[in-house]
Amino acid sequence: LSSAYHRGQRDLLRRLHADAVLRNAFPTMTHRAVRLRMDPMGG
């Protein structure tokens, strides 16, 4: 959310983070898409 590099996806990131359920998923960025993962250690 604070990254200048992901500024173009900031509104989407804020929207996802605002949801109490989705906020519990582990987020990463890949090719301008947000990846939400249930277990950050489990591929």
PDB file of all heavy atoms in Angstrom:
ATOM      1  N   LEU A   1       0.814  -1.221   0.000  1.00  0.00           N
ATOM      2  CA  LEU A   1       0.000   0.000   0.000  1.00  0.00           C
ATOM      3  C   LEU A   1       0.851   1.275   0.000  1.00  0.00           C
ATOM      4  O   LEU A   1       0.417   2.302  -0.501  1.00  0.00           O
ATOM      5  CB  LEU A   1      -0.946   0.002   1.200  1.00  0.00           C
ATOM      6  CG  LEU A   1      -2.118  -0.972   1.098  1.00  0.00           C
ATOM      7  CD1 LEU A   1      -2.760  -1.171   2.455  1.00  0.00           C
ATOM      8  CD2 LEU A   1      -3.131  -0.485   0.076  1.00  0.00           C
ATOM      9  N   SER A   2       2.052   1.198   0.526  1.00  0.00           N
ATOM     10  CA  SER A   2       2.900   2.394   0.598  1.00  0.00           C
ATOM     11  C   SER A   2       3.933   2.457  -0.532  1.00  0.00           C
ATOM     12  O   SER A   2       4.658   3.440  -0.647  1.00  0.00           O
ATOM     13  CB  SER A   2       3.609   2.459   1.949  1.00  0.00           C
ATOM     14  OG  SER A   2       4.482   1.358   2.094  1.00  0.00           O
ATOM     15  N   SER A   3       3.987   1.443  -1.358  1.00  0.00           N
ATOM     16  CA  SER A   3       5.010   1.366  -2.401  1.00  0.00           C
ATOM     17  C   SER A   3       4.731   2.322  -3.561  1.00  0.00           C
ATOM     18  O   SER A   3       3.653   2.308  -4.164  1.00  0.00           O
ATOM     19  CB  SER A   3       5.070  -0.063  -2.949  1.00  0.00           C
ATOM     20  OG  SER A   3       5.873  -0.106  -4.105  1.00  0.00           O
ATOM     21  N   ALA A   4       5.704   3.140  -3.889  1.00  0.00           N
ATOM     22  CA  ALA A   4       5.571   4.027  -5.057  1.00  0.00           C
ATOM     23  C   ALA A   4       5.549   3.206  -6.344  1.00  0.00           C
ATOM     24  O   ALA A   4       4.904   3.576  -7.319  1.00  0.00           O
ATOM     25  CB  ALA A   4       6.725   5.020  -5.082  1.00  0.00           C
ATOM     26  N   TYR A   5       6.230   2.068  -6.339  1.00  0.00           N
ATOM     27  CA  TYR A   5       6.279   1.215  -7.529  1.00  0.00           C
ATOM     28  C   TYR A   5       4.899   0.682  -7.911  1.00  0.00           C
ATOM     29  O   TYR A   5       4.591   0.521  -9.080  1.00  0.00           O
ATOM     30  CB  TYR A   5       7.242   0.046  -7.279  1.00  0.00           C
ATOM     31  CG  TYR A   5       7.448  -0.818  -8.480  1.00  0.00           C
ATOM     32  CD1 TYR A   5       8.264  -0.402  -9.534  1.00  0.00           C
ATOM     33  CD2 TYR A   5       6.810  -2.054  -8.587  1.00  0.00           C
ATOM     34  CE1 TYR A   5       8.448  -1.197 -10.654  1.00  0.00           C
ATOM     35  CE2 TYR A   5       7.005  -2.853  -9.697  1.00  0.00           C
ATOM     36  CZ  TYR A   5       7.812  -2.413 -10.728  1.00  0.00           C
ATOM     37  OH  TYR A   5       7.989  -3.199 -11.830  1.00  0.00           O
ATOM     38  N   HIS A   6       4.047   0.425  -6.910  1.00  0.00           N
ATOM     39  CA  HIS A   6       2.710  -0.121  -7.156  1.00  0.00           C
ATOM     40  C   HIS A   6       1.623   0.957  -7.099  1.00  0.00           C
ATOM     41  O   HIS A   6       0.456   0.649  -6.886  1.00  0.00           O
ATOM     42  CB  HIS A   6       2.397  -1.233  -6.144  1.00  0.00           C
ATOM     43  CG  HIS A   6       3.355  -2.367  -6.229  1.00  0.00           C
ATOM     44  ND1 HIS A   6       3.522  -3.115  -7.367  1.00  0.00           N
ATOM     45  CD2 HIS A   6       4.221  -2.871  -5.329  1.00  0.00           C
ATOM     46  CE1 HIS A   6       4.438  -4.038  -7.164  1.00  0.00           C
ATOM     47  NE2 HIS A   6       4.892  -3.905  -5.934  1.00  0.00           N
ATOM     48  N   ARG A   7       2.010   2.181  -7.344  1.00  0.00           N
ATOM     49  CA  ARG A   7       1.069   3.302  -7.300  1.00  0.00           C
ATOM     50  C   ARG A   7      -0.127   3.074  -8.234  1.00  0.00           C
ATOM     51  O   ARG A   7      -1.254   3.396  -7.903  1.00  0.00           O
ATOM     52  CB  ARG A   7       1.787   4.600  -7.652  1.00  0.00           C
ATOM     53  CG  ARG A   7       0.929   5.829  -7.555  1.00  0.00           C
ATOM     54  CD  ARG A   7       1.671   7.126  -7.866  1.00  0.00           C
ATOM     55  NE  ARG A   7       2.808   6.956  -8.773  1.00  0.00           N
ATOM     56  CZ  ARG A   7       4.098   7.132  -8.416  1.00  0.00           C
ATOM     57  NH1 ARG A   7       4.405   7.490  -7.208  1.00  0.00           N
ATOM     58  NH2 ARG A   7       5.066   6.968  -9.298  1.00  0.00           N
ATOM     59  N   GLY A   8       0.096   2.486  -9.399  1.00  0.00           N
ATOM     60  CA  GLY A   8      -0.980   2.243 -10.355  1.00  0.00           C
ATOM     61  C   GLY A   8      -2.017   1.246  -9.874  1.00  0.00           C
ATOM     62  O   GLY A   8      -3.144   1.238 -10.359  1.00  0.00           O
ATOM     63  N   GLN A   9      -1.648   0.414  -8.919  1.00  0.00           N
ATOM     64  CA  GLN A   9      -2.574  -0.580  -8.377  1.00  0.00           C
ATOM     65  C   GLN A   9      -3.069  -0.206  -6.973  1.00  0.00           C
ATOM     66  O   GLN A   9      -3.767  -0.977  -6.336  1.00  0.00           O
ATOM     67  CB  GLN A   9      -1.896  -1.963  -8.322  1.00  0.00           C
ATOM     68  CG  GLN A   9      -1.617  -2.564  -9.670  1.00  0.00           C
ATOM     69  CD  GLN A   9      -0.392  -1.954 -10.338  1.00  0.00           C
ATOM     70  OE1 GLN A   9       0.576  -1.586  -9.681  1.00  0.00           O
ATOM     71  NE2 GLN A   9      -0.436  -1.825 -11.649  1.00  0.00           N
ATOM     72  N   ARG A  10      -2.724   0.991  -6.539  1.00  0.00           N
ATOM     73  CA  ARG A  10      -3.039   1.370  -5.156  1.00  0.00           C
ATOM     74  C   ARG A  10      -4.530   1.366  -4.852  1.00  0.00           C
ATOM     75  O   ARG A  10      -4.957   0.894  -3.799  1.00  0.00           O
ATOM     76  CB  ARG A  10      -2.435   2.730  -4.826  1.00  0.00           C
ATOM     77  CG  ARG A  10      -2.532   3.004  -3.327  1.00  0.00           C
ATOM     78  CD  ARG A  10      -1.647   4.127  -2.868  1.00  0.00           C
ATOM     79  NE  ARG A  10      -0.247   3.729  -2.997  1.00  0.00           N
ATOM     80  CZ  ARG A  10       0.730   4.577  -3.294  1.00  0.00           C
ATOM     81  NH1 ARG A  10       0.479   5.845  -3.495  1.00  0.00           N
ATOM     82  NH2 ARG A  10       1.973   4.158  -3.385  1.00  0.00           N
ATOM     83  N   ASP A  11      -5.365   1.850  -5.765  1.00  0.00           N
ATOM     84  CA  ASP A  11      -6.811   1.848  -5.503  1.00  0.00           C
ATOM     85  C   ASP A  11      -7.335   0.424  -5.349  1.00  0.00           C
ATOM     86  O   ASP A  11      -8.147   0.143  -4.465  1.00  0.00           O
ATOM     87  CB  ASP A  11      -7.575   2.572  -6.609  1.00  0.00           C
ATOM     88  CG  ASP A  11      -7.379   4.080  -6.557  1.00  0.00           C
ATOM     89  OD1 ASP A  11      -6.958   4.606  -5.504  1.00  0.00           O
ATOM     90  OD2 ASP A  11      -7.663   4.736  -7.581  1.00  0.00           O
ATOM     91  N   LEU A  12      -6.873  -0.477  -6.212  1.00  0.00           N
ATOM     92  CA  LEU A  12      -7.279  -1.880  -6.099  1.00  0.00           C
ATOM     93  C   LEU A  12      -6.781  -2.471  -4.788  1.00  0.00           C
ATOM     94  O   LEU A  12      -7.532  -3.155  -4.081  1.00  0.00           O
ATOM     95  CB  LEU A  12      -6.753  -2.684  -7.286  1.00  0.00           C
ATOM     96  CG  LEU A  12      -7.003  -4.186  -7.245  1.00  0.00           C
ATOM     97  CD1 LEU A  12      -8.494  -4.503  -7.138  1.00  0.00           C
ATOM     98  CD2 LEU A  12      -6.393  -4.842  -8.473  1.00  0.00           C
ATOM     99  N   LEU A  13      -5.532  -2.218  -4.440  1.00  0.00           N
ATOM    100  CA  LEU A  13      -4.995  -2.719  -3.174  1.00  0.00           C
ATOM    101  C   LEU A  13      -5.794  -2.196  -1.987  1.00  0.00           C
ATOM    102  O   LEU A  13      -6.124  -2.954  -1.065  1.00  0.00           O
ATOM    103  CB  LEU A  13      -3.522  -2.330  -3.029  1.00  0.00           C
ATOM    104  CG  LEU A  13      -2.546  -3.111  -3.900  1.00  0.00           C
ATOM    105  CD1 LEU A  13      -1.213  -2.372  -4.001  1.00  0.00           C
ATOM    106  CD2 LEU A  13      -2.357  -4.513  -3.361  1.00  0.00           C
ATOM    107  N   ARG A  14      -6.133  -0.924  -2.003  1.00  0.00           N
ATOM    108  CA  ARG A  14      -6.928  -0.349  -0.904  1.00  0.00           C
ATOM    109  C   ARG A  14      -8.294  -1.013  -0.811  1.00  0.00           C
ATOM    110  O   ARG A  14      -8.794  -1.285   0.271  1.00  0.00           O
ATOM    111  CB  ARG A  14      -7.098   1.157  -1.099  1.00  0.00           C
ATOM    112  CG  ARG A  14      -5.882   1.948  -0.760  1.00  0.00           C
ATOM    113  CD  ARG A  14      -6.146   3.431  -0.922  1.00  0.00           C
ATOM    114  NE  ARG A  14      -4.946   4.183  -0.670  1.00  0.00           N
ATOM    115  CZ  ARG A  14      -4.600   5.269  -1.342  1.00  0.00           C
ATOM    116  NH1 ARG A  14      -5.363   5.736  -2.312  1.00  0.00           N
ATOM    117  NH2 ARG A  14      -3.480   5.886  -1.051  1.00  0.00           N
ATOM    118  N   ARG A  15      -8.894  -1.232  -1.976  1.00  0.00           N
ATOM    119  CA  ARG A  15     -10.217  -1.857  -1.991  1.00  0.00           C
ATOM    120  C   ARG A  15     -10.153  -3.268  -1.401  1.00  0.00           C
ATOM    121  O   ARG A  15     -10.998  -3.656  -0.605  1.00  0.00           O
ATOM    122  CB  ARG A  15     -10.751  -1.911  -3.411  1.00  0.00           C
ATOM    123  CG  ARG A  15     -12.103  -2.582  -3.477  1.00  0.00           C
ATOM    124  CD  ARG A  15     -12.663  -2.580  -4.844  1.00  0.00           C
ATOM    125  NE  ARG A  15     -13.968  -3.215  -4.800  1.00  0.00           N
ATOM    126  CZ  ARG A  15     -14.803  -3.227  -5.773  1.00  0.00           C
ATOM    127  NH1 ARG A  15     -14.503  -2.611  -6.891  1.00  0.00           N
ATOM    128  NH2 ARG A  15     -15.952  -3.834  -5.664  1.00  0.00           N
ATOM    129  N   LEU A  16      -9.161  -4.047  -1.797  1.00  0.00           N
ATOM    130  CA  LEU A  16      -9.030  -5.403  -1.279  1.00  0.00           C
ATOM    131  C   LEU A  16      -8.730  -5.394   0.208  1.00  0.00           C
ATOM    132  O   LEU A  16      -9.297  -6.168   0.984  1.00  0.00           O
ATOM    133  CB  LEU A  16      -7.934  -6.153  -2.041  1.00  0.00           C
ATOM    134  CG  LEU A  16      -8.160  -6.325  -3.541  1.00  0.00           C
ATOM    135  CD1 LEU A  16      -6.933  -6.945  -4.188  1.00  0.00           C
ATOM    136  CD2 LEU A  16      -9.410  -7.128  -3.832  1.00  0.00           C
ATOM    137  N   HIS A  17      -7.856  -4.507   0.626  1.00  0.00           N
ATOM    138  CA  HIS A  17      -7.470  -4.420   2.037  1.00  0.00           C
ATOM    139  C   HIS A  17      -8.622  -3.947   2.915  1.00  0.00           C
ATOM    140  O   HIS A  17      -8.713  -4.317   4.092  1.00  0.00           O
ATOM    141  CB  HIS A  17      -6.272  -3.483   2.197  1.00  0.00           C
ATOM    142  CG  HIS A  17      -5.752  -3.426   3.587  1.00  0.00           C
ATOM    143  ND1 HIS A  17      -6.089  -2.409   4.457  1.00  0.00           N
ATOM    144  CD2 HIS A  17      -4.939  -4.267   4.271  1.00  0.00           C
ATOM    145  CE1 HIS A  17      -5.499  -2.613   5.611  1.00  0.00           C
ATOM    146  NE2 HIS A  17      -4.792  -3.744   5.522  1.00  0.00           N
ATOM    147  N   ALA A  18      -9.536  -3.168   2.368  1.00  0.00           N
ATOM    148  CA  ALA A  18     -10.670  -2.658   3.140  1.00  0.00           C
ATOM    149  C   ALA A  18     -11.643  -3.771   3.533  1.00  0.00           C
ATOM    150  O   ALA A  18     -12.396  -3.625   4.500  1.00  0.00           O
ATOM    151  CB  ALA A  18     -11.409  -1.581   2.348  1.00  0.00           C
ATOM    152  N   ASP A  19     -11.617  -4.875   2.813  1.00  0.00           N
ATOM    153  CA  ASP A  19     -12.507  -5.987   3.123  1.00  0.00           C
ATOM    154  C   ASP A  19     -11.881  -6.839   4.231  1.00  0.00           C
ATOM    155  O   ASP A  19     -10.760  -7.334   4.071  1.00  0.00           O
ATOM    156  CB  ASP A  19     -12.742  -6.835   1.870  1.00  0.00           C
ATOM    157  CG  ASP A  19     -13.703  -7.961   2.158  1.00  0.00           C
ATOM    158  OD1 ASP A  19     -14.918  -7.718   2.117  1.00  0.00           O
ATOM    159  OD2 ASP A  19     -13.222  -9.084   2.452  1.00  0.00           O
ATOM    160  N   ALA A  20     -12.617  -7.027   5.328  1.00  0.00           N
ATOM    161  CA  ALA A  20     -12.078  -7.746   6.486  1.00  0.00           C
ATOM    162  C   ALA A  20     -11.717  -9.193   6.171  1.00  0.00           C
ATOM    163  O   ALA A  20     -10.805  -9.747   6.790  1.00  0.00           O
ATOM    164  CB  ALA A  20     -13.084  -7.699   7.640  1.00  0.00           C
ATOM    165  N   VAL A  21     -12.368  -9.809   5.224  1.00  0.00           N
ATOM    166  CA  VAL A  21     -12.075 -11.192   4.857  1.00  0.00           C
ATOM    167  C   VAL A  21     -10.833 -11.256   3.968  1.00  0.00           C
ATOM    168  O   VAL A  21      -9.899 -12.012   4.216  1.00  0.00           O
ATOM    169  CB  VAL A  21     -13.289 -11.843   4.159  1.00  0.00           C
ATOM    170  CG1 VAL A  21     -12.945 -13.222   3.636  1.00  0.00           C
ATOM    171  CG2 VAL A  21     -14.472 -11.916   5.119  1.00  0.00           C
ATOM    172  N   LEU A  22     -10.815 -10.447   2.924  1.00  0.00           N
ATOM    173  CA  LEU A  22      -9.694 -10.469   1.989  1.00  0.00           C
ATOM    174  C   LEU A  22      -8.404  -9.972   2.615  1.00  0.00           C
ATOM    175  O   LEU A  22      -7.316 -10.373   2.212  1.00  0.00           O
ATOM    176  CB  LEU A  22     -10.029  -9.643   0.743  1.00  0.00           C
ATOM    177  CG  LEU A  22     -11.201 -10.156  -0.085  1.00  0.00           C
ATOM    178  CD1 LEU A  22     -11.494  -9.213  -1.237  1.00  0.00           C
ATOM    179  CD2 LEU A  22     -10.949 -11.571  -0.576  1.00  0.00           C
ATOM    180  N   ARG A  23      -8.514  -9.128   3.614  1.00  0.00           N
ATOM    181  CA  ARG A  23      -7.333  -8.599   4.307  1.00  0.00           C
ATOM    182  C   ARG A  23      -6.508  -9.712   4.949  1.00  0.00           C
ATOM    183  O   ARG A  23      -5.319  -9.558   5.185  1.00  0.00           O
ATOM    184  CB  ARG A  23      -7.796  -7.609   5.379  1.00  0.00           C
ATOM    185  CG  ARG A  23      -6.699  -6.908   6.113  1.00  0.00           C
ATOM    186  CD  ARG A  23      -7.208  -5.932   7.163  1.00  0.00           C
ATOM    187  NE  ARG A  23      -8.320  -5.145   6.682  1.00  0.00           N
ATOM    188  CZ  ARG A  23      -9.463  -4.953   7.361  1.00  0.00           C
ATOM    189  NH1 ARG A  23      -9.626  -5.481   8.558  1.00  0.00           N
ATOM    190  NH2 ARG A  23     -10.426  -4.222   6.856  1.00  0.00           N
ATOM    191  N   ASN A  24      -7.143 -10.864   5.203  1.00  0.00           N
ATOM    192  CA  ASN A  24      -6.430 -11.984   5.822  1.00  0.00           C
ATOM    193  C   ASN A  24      -5.642 -12.814   4.823  1.00  0.00           C
ATOM    194  O   ASN A  24      -4.857 -13.671   5.221  1.00  0.00           O
ATOM    195  CB  ASN A  24      -7.411 -12.874   6.580  1.00  0.00           C
ATOM    196  CG  ASN A  24      -7.905 -12.178   7.815  1.00  0.00           C
ATOM    197  OD1 ASN A  24      -7.124 -11.728   8.632  1.00  0.00           O
ATOM    198  ND2 ASN A  24      -9.206 -12.050   7.934  1.00  0.00           N
ATOM    199  N   ALA A  25      -5.844 -12.586   3.537  1.00  0.00           N
ATOM    200  CA  ALA A  25      -5.060 -13.285   2.522  1.00  0.00           C
ATOM    201  C   ALA A  25      -3.705 -12.596   2.390  1.00  0.00           C
ATOM    202  O   ALA A  25      -3.568 -11.402   2.641  1.00  0.00           O
ATOM    203  CB  ALA A  25      -5.797 -13.276   1.185  1.00  0.00           C
ATOM    204  N   PHE A  26      -2.693 -13.349   1.998  1.00  0.00           N
ATOM    205  CA  PHE A  26      -1.345 -12.806   1.836  1.00  0.00           C
ATOM    206  C   PHE A  26      -1.219 -12.230   0.428  1.00  0.00           C
ATOM    207  O   PHE A  26      -1.326 -12.958  -0.559  1.00  0.00           O
ATOM    208  CB  PHE A  26      -0.314 -13.908   2.058  1.00  0.00           C
ATOM    209  CG  PHE A  26       1.096 -13.395   2.135  1.00  0.00           C
ATOM    210  CD1 PHE A  26       1.582 -12.861   3.312  1.00  0.00           C
ATOM    211  CD2 PHE A  26       1.928 -13.445   1.031  1.00  0.00           C
ATOM    212  CE1 PHE A  26       2.882 -12.388   3.398  1.00  0.00           C
ATOM    213  CE2 PHE A  26       3.226 -12.973   1.101  1.00  0.00           C
ATOM    214  CZ  PHE A  26       3.705 -12.446   2.291  1.00  0.00           C
ATOM    215  N   PRO A  27      -0.990 -10.912   0.289  1.00  0.00           N
ATOM    216  CA  PRO A  27      -0.945 -10.284  -1.031  1.00  0.00           C
ATOM    217  C   PRO A  27       0.474 -10.181  -1.593  1.00  0.00           C
ATOM    218  O   PRO A  27       1.431  -9.940  -0.862  1.00  0.00           O
ATOM    219  CB  PRO A  27      -1.484  -8.889  -0.742  1.00  0.00           C
ATOM    220  CG  PRO A  27      -0.932  -8.585   0.622  1.00  0.00           C
ATOM    221  CD  PRO A  27      -0.960  -9.907   1.357  1.00  0.00           C
ATOM    222  N   THR A  28       0.591 -10.379  -2.871  1.00  0.00           N
ATOM    223  CA  THR A  28       1.818 -10.085  -3.598  1.00  0.00           C
ATOM    224  C   THR A  28       1.402  -9.486  -4.936  1.00  0.00           C
ATOM    225  O   THR A  28       0.235  -9.551  -5.310  1.00  0.00           O
ATOM    226  CB  THR A  28       2.691 -11.340  -3.840  1.00  0.00           C
ATOM    227  OG1 THR A  28       1.922 -12.314  -4.523  1.00  0.00           O
ATOM    228  CG2 THR A  28       3.226 -11.918  -2.545  1.00  0.00           C
ATOM    229  N   MET A  29       2.349  -8.919  -5.628  1.00  0.00           N
ATOM    230  CA  MET A  29       2.072  -8.361  -6.952  1.00  0.00           C
ATOM    231  C   MET A  29       2.807  -9.189  -7.990  1.00  0.00           C
ATOM    232  O   MET A  29       3.957  -9.578  -7.779  1.00  0.00           O
ATOM    233  CB  MET A  29       2.554  -6.905  -7.043  1.00  0.00           C
ATOM    234  CG  MET A  29       1.827  -5.936  -6.139  1.00  0.00           C
ATOM    235  SD  MET A  29       0.079  -5.738  -6.501  1.00  0.00           S
ATOM    236  CE  MET A  29       0.119  -5.158  -8.184  1.00  0.00           C
ATOM    237  N   THR A  30       2.146  -9.438  -9.096  1.00  0.00           N
ATOM    238  CA  THR A  30       2.766 -10.148 -10.200  1.00  0.00           C
ATOM    239  C   THR A  30       2.171  -9.636 -11.507  1.00  0.00           C
ATOM    240  O   THR A  30       0.960  -9.687 -11.692  1.00  0.00           O
ATOM    241  CB  THR A  30       2.590 -11.680 -10.063  1.00  0.00           C
ATOM    242  OG1 THR A  30       3.207 -12.314 -11.166  1.00  0.00           O
ATOM    243  CG2 THR A  30       1.149 -12.102  -9.984  1.00  0.00           C
ATOM    244  N   HIS A  31       3.001  -9.076 -12.349  1.00  0.00           N
ATOM    245  CA  HIS A  31       2.567  -8.553 -13.654  1.00  0.00           C
ATOM    246  C   HIS A  31       1.353  -7.624 -13.530  1.00  0.00           C
ATOM    247  O   HIS A  31       0.367  -7.774 -14.231  1.00  0.00           O
ATOM    248  CB  HIS A  31       2.268  -9.705 -14.609  1.00  0.00           C
ATOM    249  CG  HIS A  31       3.449 -10.566 -14.843  1.00  0.00           C
ATOM    250  ND1 HIS A  31       3.676 -11.697 -14.100  1.00  0.00           N
ATOM    251  CD2 HIS A  31       4.476 -10.463 -15.701  1.00  0.00           C
ATOM    252  CE1 HIS A  31       4.788 -12.269 -14.505  1.00  0.00           C
ATOM    253  NE2 HIS A  31       5.313 -11.534 -15.466  1.00  0.00           N
ATOM    254  N   ARG A  32       1.411  -6.684 -12.598  1.00  0.00           N
ATOM    255  CA  ARG A  32       0.368  -5.689 -12.347  1.00  0.00           C
ATOM    256  C   ARG A  32      -0.941  -6.278 -11.833  1.00  0.00           C
ATOM    257  O   ARG A  32      -1.969  -5.626 -11.826  1.00  0.00           O
ATOM    258  CB  ARG A  32       0.119  -4.841 -13.587  1.00  0.00           C
ATOM    259  CG  ARG A  32       1.313  -3.999 -13.950  1.00  0.00           C
ATOM    260  CD  ARG A  32       1.056  -3.106 -15.106  1.00  0.00           C
ATOM    261  NE  ARG A  32      -0.367  -2.993 -15.371  1.00  0.00           N
ATOM    262  CZ  ARG A  32      -0.887  -2.269 -16.314  1.00  0.00           C
ATOM    263  NH1 ARG A  32      -0.121  -1.586 -17.087  1.00  0.00           N
ATOM    264  NH2 ARG A  32      -2.181  -2.213 -16.502  1.00  0.00           N
ATOM    265  N   ALA A  33      -0.915  -7.516 -11.405  1.00  0.00           N
ATOM    266  CA  ALA A  33      -2.084  -8.151 -10.790  1.00  0.00           C
ATOM    267  C   ALA A  33      -1.767  -8.413  -9.317  1.00  0.00           C
ATOM    268  O   ALA A  33      -0.622  -8.648  -8.953  1.00  0.00           O
ATOM    269  CB  ALA A  33      -2.417  -9.464 -11.487  1.00  0.00           C
ATOM    270  N   VAL A  34      -2.807  -8.359  -8.504  1.00  0.00           N
ATOM    271  CA  VAL A  34      -2.649  -8.687  -7.088  1.00  0.00           C
ATOM    272  C   VAL A  34      -2.912 -10.181  -6.933  1.00  0.00           C
ATOM    273  O   VAL A  34      -3.934 -10.688  -7.390  1.00  0.00           O
ATOM    274  CB  VAL A  34      -3.641  -7.886  -6.217  1.00  0.00           C
ATOM    275  CG1 VAL A  34      -3.469  -8.252  -4.742  1.00  0.00           C
ATOM    276  CG2 VAL A  34      -3.475  -6.391  -6.422  1.00  0.00           C
ATOM    277  N   ARG A  35      -1.970 -10.869  -6.309  1.00  0.00           N
ATOM    278  CA  ARG A  35      -2.142 -12.295  -5.999  1.00  0.00           C
ATOM    279  C   ARG A  35      -2.494 -12.386  -4.527  1.00  0.00           C
ATOM    280  O   ARG A  35      -1.756 -11.890  -3.669  1.00  0.00           O
ATOM    281  CB  ARG A  35      -0.864 -13.073  -6.267  1.00  0.00           C
ATOM    282  CG  ARG A  35      -0.970 -14.563  -5.921  1.00  0.00           C
ATOM    283  CD  ARG A  35       0.357 -15.280  -6.088  1.00  0.00           C
ATOM    284  NE  ARG A  35       0.857 -15.168  -7.437  1.00  0.00           N
ATOM    285  CZ  ARG A  35       0.685 -16.095  -8.389  1.00  0.00           C
ATOM    286  NH1 ARG A  35       0.016 -17.194  -8.123  1.00  0.00           N
ATOM    287  NH2 ARG A  35       1.189 -15.911  -9.588  1.00  0.00           N
ATOM    288  N   LEU A  36      -3.612 -12.996  -4.232  1.00  0.00           N
ATOM    289  CA  LEU A  36      -4.030 -13.241  -2.857  1.00  0.00           C
ATOM    290  C   LEU A  36      -3.861 -14.731  -2.587  1.00  0.00           C
ATOM    291  O   LEU A  36      -4.376 -15.566  -3.326  1.00  0.00           O
ATOM    292  CB  LEU A  36      -5.488 -12.831  -2.655  1.00  0.00           C
ATOM    293  CG  LEU A  36      -5.790 -11.351  -2.892  1.00  0.00           C
ATOM    294  CD1 LEU A  36      -7.284 -11.092  -2.814  1.00  0.00           C
ATOM    295  CD2 LEU A  36      -5.046 -10.486  -1.892  1.00  0.00           C
ATOM    296  N   ARG A  37      -3.136 -15.048  -1.541  1.00  0.00           N
ATOM    297  CA  ARG A  37      -2.826 -16.447  -1.213  1.00  0.00           C
ATOM    298  C   ARG A  37      -3.294 -16.723   0.209  1.00  0.00           C
ATOM    299  O   ARG A  37      -3.057 -15.928   1.118  1.00  0.00           O
ATOM    300  CB  ARG A  37      -1.327 -16.663  -1.323  1.00  0.00           C
ATOM    301  CG  ARG A  37      -0.890 -18.068  -1.105  1.00  0.00           C
ATOM    302  CD  ARG A  37       0.604 -18.175  -1.176  1.00  0.00           C
ATOM    303  NE  ARG A  37       1.083 -17.648  -2.435  1.00  0.00           N
ATOM    304  CZ  ARG A  37       2.112 -18.124  -3.105  1.00  0.00           C
ATOM    305  NH1 ARG A  37       2.783 -19.138  -2.638  1.00  0.00           N
ATOM    306  NH2 ARG A  37       2.491 -17.581  -4.226  1.00  0.00           N
ATOM    307  N   MET A  38      -3.913 -17.870   0.401  1.00  0.00           N
ATOM    308  CA  MET A  38      -4.403 -18.232   1.726  1.00  0.00           C
ATOM    309  C   MET A  38      -3.258 -18.499   2.704  1.00  0.00           C
ATOM    310  O   MET A  38      -3.323 -18.098   3.849  1.00  0.00           O
ATOM    311  CB  MET A  38      -5.302 -19.474   1.637  1.00  0.00           C
ATOM    312  CG  MET A  38      -6.552 -19.239   0.816  1.00  0.00           C
ATOM    313  SD  MET A  38      -7.491 -17.817   1.398  1.00  0.00           S
ATOM    314  CE  MET A  38      -7.825 -18.291   3.069  1.00  0.00           C
ATOM    315  N   ASP A  39      -2.222 -19.190   2.243  1.00  0.00           N
ATOM    316  CA  ASP A  39      -1.095 -19.524   3.101  1.00  0.00           C
ATOM    317  C   ASP A  39       0.170 -19.007   2.421  1.00  0.00           C
ATOM    318  O   ASP A  39       0.550 -19.523   1.364  1.00  0.00           O
ATOM    319  CB  ASP A  39      -1.013 -21.035   3.288  1.00  0.00           C
ATOM    320  CG  ASP A  39       0.166 -21.467   4.155  1.00  0.00           C
ATOM    321  OD1 ASP A  39       0.954 -20.610   4.599  1.00  0.00           O
ATOM    322  OD2 ASP A  39       0.295 -22.688   4.376  1.00  0.00           O
ATOM    323  N   PRO A  40       0.837 -18.021   2.994  1.00  0.00           N
ATOM    324  CA  PRO A  40       2.006 -17.444   2.338  1.00  0.00           C
ATOM    325  C   PRO A  40       3.148 -18.434   2.151  1.00  0.00           C
ATOM    326  O   PRO A  40       3.978 -18.263   1.275  1.00  0.00           O
ATOM    327  CB  PRO A  40       2.423 -16.303   3.259  1.00  0.00           C
ATOM    328  CG  PRO A  40       1.805 -16.593   4.568  1.00  0.00           C
ATOM    329  CD  PRO A  40       0.567 -17.394   4.286  1.00  0.00           C
ATOM    330  N   MET A  41       3.190 -19.493   2.930  1.00  0.00           N
ATOM    331  CA  MET A  41       4.262 -20.473   2.838  1.00  0.00           C
ATOM    332  C   MET A  41       3.873 -21.689   2.005  1.00  0.00           C
ATOM    333  O   MET A  41       4.710 -22.497   1.677  1.00  0.00           O
ATOM    334  CB  MET A  41       4.674 -20.939   4.239  1.00  0.00           C
ATOM    335  CG  MET A  41       5.087 -19.789   5.131  1.00  0.00           C
ATOM    336  SD  MET A  41       6.321 -18.769   4.347  1.00  0.00           S
ATOM    337  CE  MET A  41       7.659 -19.007   5.420  1.00  0.00           C
ATOM    338  N   GLY A  42       2.598 -21.812   1.672  1.00  0.00           N
ATOM    339  CA  GLY A  42       2.130 -22.984   0.939  1.00  0.00           C
ATOM    340  C   GLY A  42       1.890 -22.681  -0.528  1.00  0.00           C
ATOM    341  O   GLY A  42       0.899 -22.032  -0.867  1.00  0.00           O
ATOM    342  N   GLY A  43       2.784 -23.120  -1.388  1.00  0.00           N
ATOM    343  CA  GLY A  43       2.632 -22.867  -2.810  1.00  0.00           C
ATOM    344  C   GLY A  43       1.385 -23.499  -3.393  1.00  0.00           C
ATOM    345  O   GLY A  43       0.882 -23.060  -4.417  1.00  0.00           O
TER     346      GLY A  43
END
